[in-house]
């Protein structure tokens, strides 16, 4: 791998951000394209920033390098930012909805994008054994220190789902994963391959209109059409048990509308 010119990369990225802030969109996009030329792995998320400006093709997902870098950088203050500043409460809503639907207790849970363990900690007393997966090594280290998970892996979730050959799970959660994925077929198929029949899949998504299946929103996070989510779930053997309107988080003082989806695997692939 060619060595990245960090100074050149920083200059191009900062110039792109400044142009974007100034409303000079064409010039900003050109600068972000320069960033991608310097750093093809896209540690700074230039591709999703271009898409969020309504230009270029929408990527099928955020780059692994971007997601890993983003969460490694914020691991130490992640929970303070997410819970205290952004009002994130999705794990608590998951617990409430599972209990309201009379689901659980569970034997084996897979927590995709486990982060520092917010979801694992919230559901710990409802599950015998929890496996956590996250792309950020720093996040996984913090989760490990909490002693909430029986097993932890540093891995990209779709890769893990494809490669895993361990015992099936009866609960899979993905409480802040979809905002970094556009196309959902690999995720949903991978979850179906790792769930026991009648197993539960609980996940959150940020919503948009129904004009396209998904796109990158103004905050560089993917948003999905609910019809697209339902179609992809049905195609991979799931039955939707419940869709709850939620506020995923606050962003610039405004709520980010979304859904919490509880689905059950009815057909084995």
C-alpha atoms as a PDB file:
ATOM      1  CA  UNK A   1       0.000   0.000   0.000  1.00  0.00           C
ATOM      2  CA  UNK A   2       1.363   3.395  -1.005  1.00  0.00           C
ATOM      3  CA  UNK A   3       2.204   5.721   1.843  1.00  0.00           C
ATOM      4  CA  UNK A   4      -0.313   8.546   2.242  1.00  0.00           C
ATOM      5  CA  UNK A   5       0.983  12.106   2.083  1.00  0.00           C
ATOM      6  CA  UNK A   6      -0.597  13.198   5.369  1.00  0.00           C
ATOM      7  CA  UNK A   7       0.178  16.881   4.914  1.00  0.00           C
ATOM      8  CA  UNK A   8      -1.334  16.951   1.434  1.00  0.00           C
ATOM      9  CA  UNK A   9      -4.338  14.957   2.646  1.00  0.00           C
ATOM     10  CA  UNK A  10      -4.964  17.292   5.584  1.00  0.00           C
ATOM     11  CA  UNK A  11      -4.757  20.358   3.355  1.00  0.00           C
ATOM     12  CA  UNK A  12      -7.224  18.952   0.825  1.00  0.00           C
ATOM     13  CA  UNK A  13      -9.659  17.733   3.480  1.00  0.00           C
ATOM     14  CA  UNK A  14      -9.658  20.986   5.440  1.00  0.00           C
ATOM     15  CA  UNK A  15     -10.108  22.932   2.211  1.00  0.00           C
ATOM     16  CA  UNK A  16     -13.060  20.715   1.290  1.00  0.00           C
ATOM     17  CA  UNK A  17     -14.701  21.245   4.681  1.00  0.00           C
ATOM     18  CA  UNK A  18     -14.224  25.007   4.454  1.00  0.00           C
ATOM     19  CA  UNK A  19     -15.711  25.139   0.951  1.00  0.00           C
ATOM     20  CA  UNK A  20     -18.653  23.010   2.038  1.00  0.00           C
ATOM     21  CA  UNK A  21     -19.289  25.294   5.019  1.00  0.00           C
ATOM     22  CA  UNK A  22     -19.128  28.318   2.713  1.00  0.00           C
ATOM     23  CA  UNK A  23     -21.756  26.776   0.440  1.00  0.00           C
ATOM     24  CA  UNK A  24     -19.381  26.389  -2.496  1.00  0.00           C
ATOM     25  CA  UNK A  25     -20.598  22.899  -3.293  1.00  0.00           C
ATOM     26  CA  UNK A  26     -18.940  22.301  -6.672  1.00  0.00           C
ATOM     27  CA  UNK A  27     -15.551  23.368  -5.339  1.00  0.00           C
ATOM     28  CA  UNK A  28     -16.070  21.288  -2.169  1.00  0.00           C
ATOM     29  CA  UNK A  29     -16.892  18.170  -4.193  1.00  0.00           C
ATOM     30  CA  UNK A  30     -13.775  18.673  -6.307  1.00  0.00           C
ATOM     31  CA  UNK A  31     -11.685  18.983  -3.140  1.00  0.00           C
ATOM     32  CA  UNK A  32     -13.228  15.816  -1.661  1.00  0.00           C
ATOM     33  CA  UNK A  33     -12.395  14.029  -4.925  1.00  0.00           C
ATOM     34  CA  UNK A  34      -8.797  15.145  -4.417  1.00  0.00           C
ATOM     35  CA  UNK A  35      -8.974  13.647  -0.923  1.00  0.00           C
ATOM     36  CA  UNK A  36     -10.054  10.301  -2.398  1.00  0.00           C
ATOM     37  CA  UNK A  37      -7.186  10.385  -4.879  1.00  0.00           C
ATOM     38  CA  UNK A  38      -4.719  10.881  -2.034  1.00  0.00           C
ATOM     39  CA  UNK A  39      -6.428   8.371   0.288  1.00  0.00           C
ATOM     40  CA  UNK A  40      -8.319   5.734  -1.758  1.00  0.00           C
ATOM     41  CA  UNK A  41      -9.266   3.806   1.414  1.00  0.00           C
ATOM     42  CA  UNK A  42     -11.153   6.940   2.499  1.00  0.00           C
ATOM     43  CA  UNK A  43     -10.324   7.258   6.179  1.00  0.00           C
ATOM     44  CA  UNK A  44     -12.075  10.650   6.294  1.00  0.00           C
ATOM     45  CA  UNK A  45     -15.368   9.611   4.721  1.00  0.00           C
ATOM     46  CA  UNK A  46     -15.031  11.801   1.619  1.00  0.00           C
ATOM     47  CA  UNK A  47     -17.283   9.517  -0.436  1.00  0.00           C
ATOM     48  CA  UNK A  48     -20.246   9.848   1.931  1.00  0.00           C
ATOM     49  CA  UNK A  49     -19.647  13.585   2.198  1.00  0.00           C
ATOM     50  CA  UNK A  50     -19.864  13.926  -1.588  1.00  0.00           C
ATOM     51  CA  UNK A  51     -23.083  11.879  -1.560  1.00  0.00           C
ATOM     52  CA  UNK A  52     -24.513  13.976   1.291  1.00  0.00           C
ATOM     53  CA  UNK A  53     -24.051  17.035  -0.945  1.00  0.00           C
ATOM     54  CA  UNK A  54     -26.210  15.370  -3.600  1.00  0.00           C
ATOM     55  CA  UNK A  55     -23.362  14.706  -6.001  1.00  0.00           C
ATOM     56  CA  UNK A  56     -21.869  11.574  -7.486  1.00  0.00           C
ATOM     57  CA  UNK A  57     -23.098   8.038  -6.989  1.00  0.00           C
ATOM     58  CA  UNK A  58     -24.403   6.996  -3.595  1.00  0.00           C
ATOM     59  CA  UNK A  59     -21.971   4.432  -2.166  1.00  0.00           C
ATOM     60  CA  UNK A  60     -23.407   1.112  -1.033  1.00  0.00           C
ATOM     61  CA  UNK A  61     -21.831   1.659   2.400  1.00  0.00           C
ATOM     62  CA  UNK A  62     -19.373   3.833   4.257  1.00  0.00           C
ATOM     63  CA  UNK A  63     -15.778   2.675   3.895  1.00  0.00           C
ATOM     64  CA  UNK A  64     -14.397   0.421   6.610  1.00  0.00           C
ATOM     65  CA  UNK A  65     -11.467   2.801   7.045  1.00  0.00           C
ATOM     66  CA  UNK A  66     -13.821   5.702   7.732  1.00  0.00           C
ATOM     67  CA  UNK A  67     -15.979   3.823  10.250  1.00  0.00           C
ATOM     68  CA  UNK A  68     -12.965   2.395  12.049  1.00  0.00           C
ATOM     69  CA  UNK A  69     -11.218   5.775  12.212  1.00  0.00           C
ATOM     70  CA  UNK A  70     -14.351   7.607  13.327  1.00  0.00           C
ATOM     71  CA  UNK A  71     -15.062   5.300  16.243  1.00  0.00           C
ATOM     72  CA  UNK A  72     -11.466   4.731  17.263  1.00  0.00           C
ATOM     73  CA  UNK A  73     -11.117   8.508  17.632  1.00  0.00           C
ATOM     74  CA  UNK A  74     -14.225   8.871  19.784  1.00  0.00           C
ATOM     75  CA  UNK A  75     -14.057   5.660  21.830  1.00  0.00           C
ATOM     76  CA  UNK A  76     -13.048   7.303  25.118  1.00  0.00           C
ATOM     77  CA  UNK A  77     -15.855   9.880  25.127  1.00  0.00           C
ATOM     78  CA  UNK A  78     -18.299   7.896  22.980  1.00  0.00           C
ATOM     79  CA  UNK A  79     -20.942   7.255  25.624  1.00  0.00           C
ATOM     80  CA  UNK A  80     -20.884  10.812  26.931  1.00  0.00           C
ATOM     81  CA  UNK A  81     -21.362  12.193  23.424  1.00  0.00           C
ATOM     82  CA  UNK A  82     -23.990   9.682  22.350  1.00  0.00           C
ATOM     83  CA  UNK A  83     -26.098   9.412  25.498  1.00  0.00           C
ATOM     84  CA  UNK A  84     -25.633  12.728  27.283  1.00  0.00           C
ATOM     85  CA  UNK A  85     -25.227  15.095  24.317  1.00  0.00           C
ATOM     86  CA  UNK A  86     -27.195  13.362  21.543  1.00  0.00           C
ATOM     87  CA  UNK A  87     -29.901  11.804  23.703  1.00  0.00           C
ATOM     88  CA  UNK A  88     -29.351   8.307  22.312  1.00  0.00           C
ATOM     89  CA  UNK A  89     -31.652   5.781  23.998  1.00  0.00           C
ATOM     90  CA  UNK A  90     -32.188   3.080  21.360  1.00  0.00           C
ATOM     91  CA  UNK A  91     -30.919   0.163  23.537  1.00  0.00           C
ATOM     92  CA  UNK A  92     -33.479   1.052  26.234  1.00  0.00           C
ATOM     93  CA  UNK A  93     -36.245   1.156  23.608  1.00  0.00           C
ATOM     94  CA  UNK A  94     -35.144  -2.256  22.326  1.00  0.00           C
ATOM     95  CA  UNK A  95     -35.481  -3.691  25.814  1.00  0.00           C
ATOM     96  CA  UNK A  96     -38.915  -2.101  26.288  1.00  0.00           C
ATOM     97  CA  UNK A  97     -40.257  -3.399  22.977  1.00  0.00           C
ATOM     98  CA  UNK A  98     -38.916  -6.931  23.481  1.00  0.00           C
ATOM     99  CA  UNK A  99     -40.538  -7.081  26.901  1.00  0.00           C
ATOM    100  CA  UNK A 100     -43.805  -5.582  25.634  1.00  0.00           C
ATOM    101  CA  UNK A 101     -43.958  -8.203  22.875  1.00  0.00           C
ATOM    102  CA  UNK A 102     -43.240 -10.983  25.360  1.00  0.00           C
ATOM    103  CA  UNK A 103     -39.980 -11.959  23.655  1.00  0.00           C
ATOM    104  CA  UNK A 104     -37.149 -13.547  25.616  1.00  0.00           C
ATOM    105  CA  UNK A 105     -35.314 -14.537  27.632  1.00  0.00           C
ATOM    106  CA  UNK A 106     -32.750 -15.525  25.017  1.00  0.00           C
ATOM    107  CA  UNK A 107     -29.934 -18.066  24.969  1.00  0.00           C
ATOM    108  CA  UNK A 108     -27.486 -16.518  22.507  1.00  0.00           C
ATOM    109  CA  UNK A 109     -27.348 -12.882  21.383  1.00  0.00           C
ATOM    110  CA  UNK A 110     -25.197 -11.312  18.686  1.00  0.00           C
ATOM    111  CA  UNK A 111     -24.682  -7.559  19.114  1.00  0.00           C
ATOM    112  CA  UNK A 112     -23.590  -6.087  15.775  1.00  0.00           C
ATOM    113  CA  UNK A 113     -21.728  -2.799  16.057  1.00  0.00           C
ATOM    114  CA  UNK A 114     -21.535  -3.332  19.802  1.00  0.00           C
ATOM    115  CA  UNK A 115     -19.429  -0.223  20.444  1.00  0.00           C
ATOM    116  CA  UNK A 116     -18.653   0.206  24.122  1.00  0.00           C
ATOM    117  CA  UNK A 117     -21.486  -2.097  25.181  1.00  0.00           C
ATOM    118  CA  UNK A 118     -24.591   0.065  25.551  1.00  0.00           C
ATOM    119  CA  UNK A 119     -26.931  -2.533  24.054  1.00  0.00           C
ATOM    120  CA  UNK A 120     -25.167  -5.500  25.606  1.00  0.00           C
ATOM    121  CA  UNK A 121     -25.344  -3.913  29.039  1.00  0.00           C
ATOM    122  CA  UNK A 122     -29.016  -3.004  28.651  1.00  0.00           C
ATOM    123  CA  UNK A 123     -30.017  -6.555  27.655  1.00  0.00           C
ATOM    124  CA  UNK A 124     -27.486  -8.505  29.748  1.00  0.00           C
ATOM    125  CA  UNK A 125     -30.031  -9.940  32.198  1.00  0.00           C
ATOM    126  CA  UNK A 126     -32.272 -11.132  29.336  1.00  0.00           C
ATOM    127  CA  UNK A 127     -29.574 -13.245  27.652  1.00  0.00           C
ATOM    128  CA  UNK A 128     -27.410 -16.197  28.725  1.00  0.00           C
ATOM    129  CA  UNK A 129     -24.543 -15.586  26.293  1.00  0.00           C
ATOM    130  CA  UNK A 130     -23.660 -12.418  24.329  1.00  0.00           C
ATOM    131  CA  UNK A 131     -21.223 -12.034  21.448  1.00  0.00           C
ATOM    132  CA  UNK A 132     -20.226  -8.513  20.430  1.00  0.00           C
ATOM    133  CA  UNK A 133     -18.786  -7.384  17.079  1.00  0.00           C
ATOM    134  CA  UNK A 134     -17.305  -4.005  16.215  1.00  0.00           C
ATOM    135  CA  UNK A 135     -14.878  -2.664  13.631  1.00  0.00           C
ATOM    136  CA  UNK A 136     -13.251  -0.330  16.159  1.00  0.00           C
ATOM    137  CA  UNK A 137     -10.583  -1.999  18.274  1.00  0.00           C
ATOM    138  CA  UNK A 138     -10.692   0.866  20.777  1.00  0.00           C
ATOM    139  CA  UNK A 139     -14.444   0.392  21.249  1.00  0.00           C
ATOM    140  CA  UNK A 140     -14.039  -3.344  21.753  1.00  0.00           C
ATOM    141  CA  UNK A 141     -11.322  -2.782  24.353  1.00  0.00           C
ATOM    142  CA  UNK A 142     -13.688  -0.593  26.391  1.00  0.00           C
ATOM    143  CA  UNK A 143     -16.495  -3.137  26.061  1.00  0.00           C
ATOM    144  CA  UNK A 144     -14.094  -5.865  27.196  1.00  0.00           C
ATOM    145  CA  UNK A 145     -13.187  -3.888  30.320  1.00  0.00           C
ATOM    146  CA  UNK A 146     -16.870  -3.795  31.303  1.00  0.00           C
ATOM    147  CA  UNK A 147     -17.066  -7.610  31.306  1.00  0.00           C
ATOM    148  CA  UNK A 148     -20.518  -7.553  29.669  1.00  0.00           C
ATOM    149  CA  UNK A 149     -19.846  -9.899  26.761  1.00  0.00           C
ATOM    150  CA  UNK A 150     -18.946 -13.550  26.755  1.00  0.00           C
ATOM    151  CA  UNK A 151     -17.142 -13.166  23.410  1.00  0.00           C
ATOM    152  CA  UNK A 152     -15.894 -10.098  21.531  1.00  0.00           C
ATOM    153  CA  UNK A 153     -14.506  -9.738  18.010  1.00  0.00           C
ATOM    154  CA  UNK A 154     -12.937  -6.861  16.116  1.00  0.00           C
ATOM    155  CA  UNK A 155     -14.503  -7.318  12.675  1.00  0.00           C
ATOM    156  CA  UNK A 156     -16.686  -5.748  10.017  1.00  0.00           C
ATOM    157  CA  UNK A 157     -20.215  -7.021  10.632  1.00  0.00           C
ATOM    158  CA  UNK A 158     -20.971  -8.294   7.122  1.00  0.00           C
ATOM    159  CA  UNK A 159     -17.635 -10.128   6.965  1.00  0.00           C
ATOM    160  CA  UNK A 160     -18.275 -11.733  10.349  1.00  0.00           C
ATOM    161  CA  UNK A 161     -21.764 -12.854   9.347  1.00  0.00           C
ATOM    162  CA  UNK A 162     -20.425 -14.407   6.167  1.00  0.00           C
ATOM    163  CA  UNK A 163     -17.551 -16.246   7.849  1.00  0.00           C
ATOM    164  CA  UNK A 164     -19.127 -17.288  11.156  1.00  0.00           C
ATOM    165  CA  UNK A 165     -19.750 -21.008  11.600  1.00  0.00           C
ATOM    166  CA  UNK A 166     -20.502 -21.074  15.318  1.00  0.00           C
ATOM    167  CA  UNK A 167     -23.800 -22.061  16.929  1.00  0.00           C
ATOM    168  CA  UNK A 168     -26.803 -20.055  15.719  1.00  0.00           C
ATOM    169  CA  UNK A 169     -28.133 -17.095  17.697  1.00  0.00           C
ATOM    170  CA  UNK A 170     -31.736 -16.504  18.782  1.00  0.00           C
ATOM    171  CA  UNK A 171     -31.357 -12.694  19.049  1.00  0.00           C
ATOM    172  CA  UNK A 172     -29.393 -10.333  16.806  1.00  0.00           C
ATOM    173  CA  UNK A 173     -29.271  -6.591  17.513  1.00  0.00           C
ATOM    174  CA  UNK A 174     -27.963  -3.760  15.331  1.00  0.00           C
ATOM    175  CA  UNK A 175     -28.754  -0.525  17.132  1.00  0.00           C
ATOM    176  CA  UNK A 176     -26.474   1.906  15.258  1.00  0.00           C
ATOM    177  CA  UNK A 177     -25.348  -0.047  12.201  1.00  0.00           C
ATOM    178  CA  UNK A 178     -27.675   0.924   9.346  1.00  0.00           C
ATOM    179  CA  UNK A 179     -26.541   4.588   9.318  1.00  0.00           C
ATOM    180  CA  UNK A 180     -23.208   3.320   7.948  1.00  0.00           C
ATOM    181  CA  UNK A 181     -24.720   0.939   5.386  1.00  0.00           C
ATOM    182  CA  UNK A 182     -26.702   1.812   2.275  1.00  0.00           C
ATOM    183  CA  UNK A 183     -27.543  -1.469   0.580  1.00  0.00           C
ATOM    184  CA  UNK A 184     -29.055  -3.805   3.186  1.00  0.00           C
ATOM    185  CA  UNK A 185     -29.125  -7.128   1.322  1.00  0.00           C
ATOM    186  CA  UNK A 186     -25.722  -8.368   2.618  1.00  0.00           C
ATOM    187  CA  UNK A 187     -26.571  -7.477   6.218  1.00  0.00           C
ATOM    188  CA  UNK A 188     -30.075  -8.971   6.233  1.00  0.00           C
ATOM    189  CA  UNK A 189     -28.991 -12.134   4.436  1.00  0.00           C
ATOM    190  CA  UNK A 190     -26.028 -12.528   6.785  1.00  0.00           C
ATOM    191  CA  UNK A 191     -28.261 -12.122   9.847  1.00  0.00           C
ATOM    192  CA  UNK A 192     -30.717 -14.706   8.488  1.00  0.00           C
ATOM    193  CA  UNK A 193     -27.825 -17.158   8.009  1.00  0.00           C
ATOM    194  CA  UNK A 194     -26.795 -16.754  11.657  1.00  0.00           C
ATOM    195  CA  UNK A 195     -30.234 -16.843  13.291  1.00  0.00           C
ATOM    196  CA  UNK A 196     -32.137 -19.885  14.439  1.00  0.00           C
ATOM    197  CA  UNK A 197     -35.626 -20.332  13.020  1.00  0.00           C
ATOM    198  CA  UNK A 198     -38.013 -17.939  14.830  1.00  0.00           C
ATOM    199  CA  UNK A 199     -35.015 -15.955  16.063  1.00  0.00           C
ATOM    200  CA  UNK A 200     -35.414 -12.209  16.576  1.00  0.00           C
ATOM    201  CA  UNK A 201     -33.652  -9.402  14.709  1.00  0.00           C
ATOM    202  CA  UNK A 202     -33.932  -5.963  16.357  1.00  0.00           C
ATOM    203  CA  UNK A 203     -32.435  -2.917  14.675  1.00  0.00           C
ATOM    204  CA  UNK A 204     -32.785   0.828  14.278  1.00  0.00           C
ATOM    205  CA  UNK A 205     -32.789   2.898  11.113  1.00  0.00           C
ATOM    206  CA  UNK A 206     -32.976   6.579  10.254  1.00  0.00           C
ATOM    207  CA  UNK A 207     -35.850   7.394   7.933  1.00  0.00           C
ATOM    208  CA  UNK A 208     -36.441   9.339   4.739  1.00  0.00           C
ATOM    209  CA  UNK A 209     -39.080   9.581   2.027  1.00  0.00           C
ATOM    210  CA  UNK A 210     -39.852   6.784  -0.373  1.00  0.00           C
ATOM    211  CA  UNK A 211     -38.261   8.281  -3.510  1.00  0.00           C
ATOM    212  CA  UNK A 212     -35.163   6.048  -3.435  1.00  0.00           C
ATOM    213  CA  UNK A 213     -34.273   2.959  -1.352  1.00  0.00           C
ATOM    214  CA  UNK A 214     -31.503   4.767   0.537  1.00  0.00           C
ATOM    215  CA  UNK A 215     -29.272   7.812   0.416  1.00  0.00           C
ATOM    216  CA  UNK A 216     -26.732   9.675   2.508  1.00  0.00           C
ATOM    217  CA  UNK A 217     -28.378  12.320   4.668  1.00  0.00           C
ATOM    218  CA  UNK A 218     -27.020  15.773   5.517  1.00  0.00           C
ATOM    219  CA  UNK A 219     -25.030  14.417   8.480  1.00  0.00           C
ATOM    220  CA  UNK A 220     -23.147  11.801   6.423  1.00  0.00           C
ATOM    221  CA  UNK A 221     -25.329   8.984   7.736  1.00  0.00           C
ATOM    222  CA  UNK A 222     -27.379   6.649   5.555  1.00  0.00           C
ATOM    223  CA  UNK A 223     -31.156   6.953   5.724  1.00  0.00           C
ATOM    224  CA  UNK A 224     -33.519   4.293   4.378  1.00  0.00           C
ATOM    225  CA  UNK A 225     -37.011   4.104   2.956  1.00  0.00           C
ATOM    226  CA  UNK A 226     -39.230   1.930   5.120  1.00  0.00           C
ATOM    227  CA  UNK A 227     -40.625   0.104   2.060  1.00  0.00           C
ATOM    228  CA  UNK A 228     -37.074  -0.858   1.091  1.00  0.00           C
ATOM    229  CA  UNK A 229     -36.382  -2.219   4.583  1.00  0.00           C
ATOM    230  CA  UNK A 230     -39.600  -4.250   4.554  1.00  0.00           C
ATOM    231  CA  UNK A 231     -38.910  -5.625   1.076  1.00  0.00           C
ATOM    232  CA  UNK A 232     -35.368  -6.686   1.974  1.00  0.00           C
ATOM    233  CA  UNK A 233     -36.530  -8.331   5.195  1.00  0.00           C
ATOM    234  CA  UNK A 234     -39.226 -10.300   3.377  1.00  0.00           C
ATOM    235  CA  UNK A 235     -36.736 -11.375   0.711  1.00  0.00           C
ATOM    236  CA  UNK A 236     -34.415 -12.818   3.362  1.00  0.00           C
ATOM    237  CA  UNK A 237     -37.068 -14.780   5.262  1.00  0.00           C
ATOM    238  CA  UNK A 238     -38.160 -12.312   7.945  1.00  0.00           C
ATOM    239  CA  UNK A 239     -41.617 -11.364   9.164  1.00  0.00           C
ATOM    240  CA  UNK A 240     -41.918  -7.886  10.643  1.00  0.00           C
ATOM    241  CA  UNK A 241     -43.432  -8.084  14.126  1.00  0.00           C
ATOM    242  CA  UNK A 242     -43.355  -4.378  14.905  1.00  0.00           C
ATOM    243  CA  UNK A 243     -42.092  -1.050  13.583  1.00  0.00           C
ATOM    244  CA  UNK A 244     -41.915   1.743  16.169  1.00  0.00           C
ATOM    245  CA  UNK A 245     -41.391   5.409  15.336  1.00  0.00           C
ATOM    246  CA  UNK A 246     -38.469   6.695  17.389  1.00  0.00           C
ATOM    247  CA  UNK A 247     -36.072   9.605  17.680  1.00  0.00           C
ATOM    248  CA  UNK A 248     -32.749   7.946  16.962  1.00  0.00           C
ATOM    249  CA  UNK A 249     -30.669  10.838  18.302  1.00  0.00           C
ATOM    250  CA  UNK A 250     -30.464  14.619  18.372  1.00  0.00           C
ATOM    251  CA  UNK A 251     -28.427  16.248  15.624  1.00  0.00           C
ATOM    252  CA  UNK A 252     -27.699  19.995  15.678  1.00  0.00           C
ATOM    253  CA  UNK A 253     -30.530  20.371  18.176  1.00  0.00           C
ATOM    254  CA  UNK A 254     -33.052  18.611  15.957  1.00  0.00           C
ATOM    255  CA  UNK A 255     -34.417  15.066  16.318  1.00  0.00           C
ATOM    256  CA  UNK A 256     -33.357  12.422  13.787  1.00  0.00           C
ATOM    257  CA  UNK A 257     -36.568  10.511  13.033  1.00  0.00           C
ATOM    258  CA  UNK A 258     -36.241   6.789  12.667  1.00  0.00           C
ATOM    259  CA  UNK A 259     -37.695   3.382  13.333  1.00  0.00           C
ATOM    260  CA  UNK A 260     -37.021   0.481  15.633  1.00  0.00           C
ATOM    261  CA  UNK A 261     -37.788  -2.724  13.779  1.00  0.00           C
ATOM    262  CA  UNK A 262     -38.454  -6.065  15.452  1.00  0.00           C
ATOM    263  CA  UNK A 263     -38.458  -8.922  12.929  1.00  0.00           C
ATOM    264  CA  UNK A 264     -38.617 -12.706  13.269  1.00  0.00           C
ATOM    265  CA  UNK A 265     -36.957 -15.251  10.993  1.00  0.00           C
ATOM    266  CA  UNK A 266     -39.674 -17.448   9.486  1.00  0.00           C
ATOM    267  CA  UNK A 267     -37.842 -19.081   6.573  1.00  0.00           C
ATOM    268  CA  UNK A 268     -34.356 -20.558   6.533  1.00  0.00           C
ATOM    269  CA  UNK A 269     -32.263 -19.645   3.508  1.00  0.00           C
END
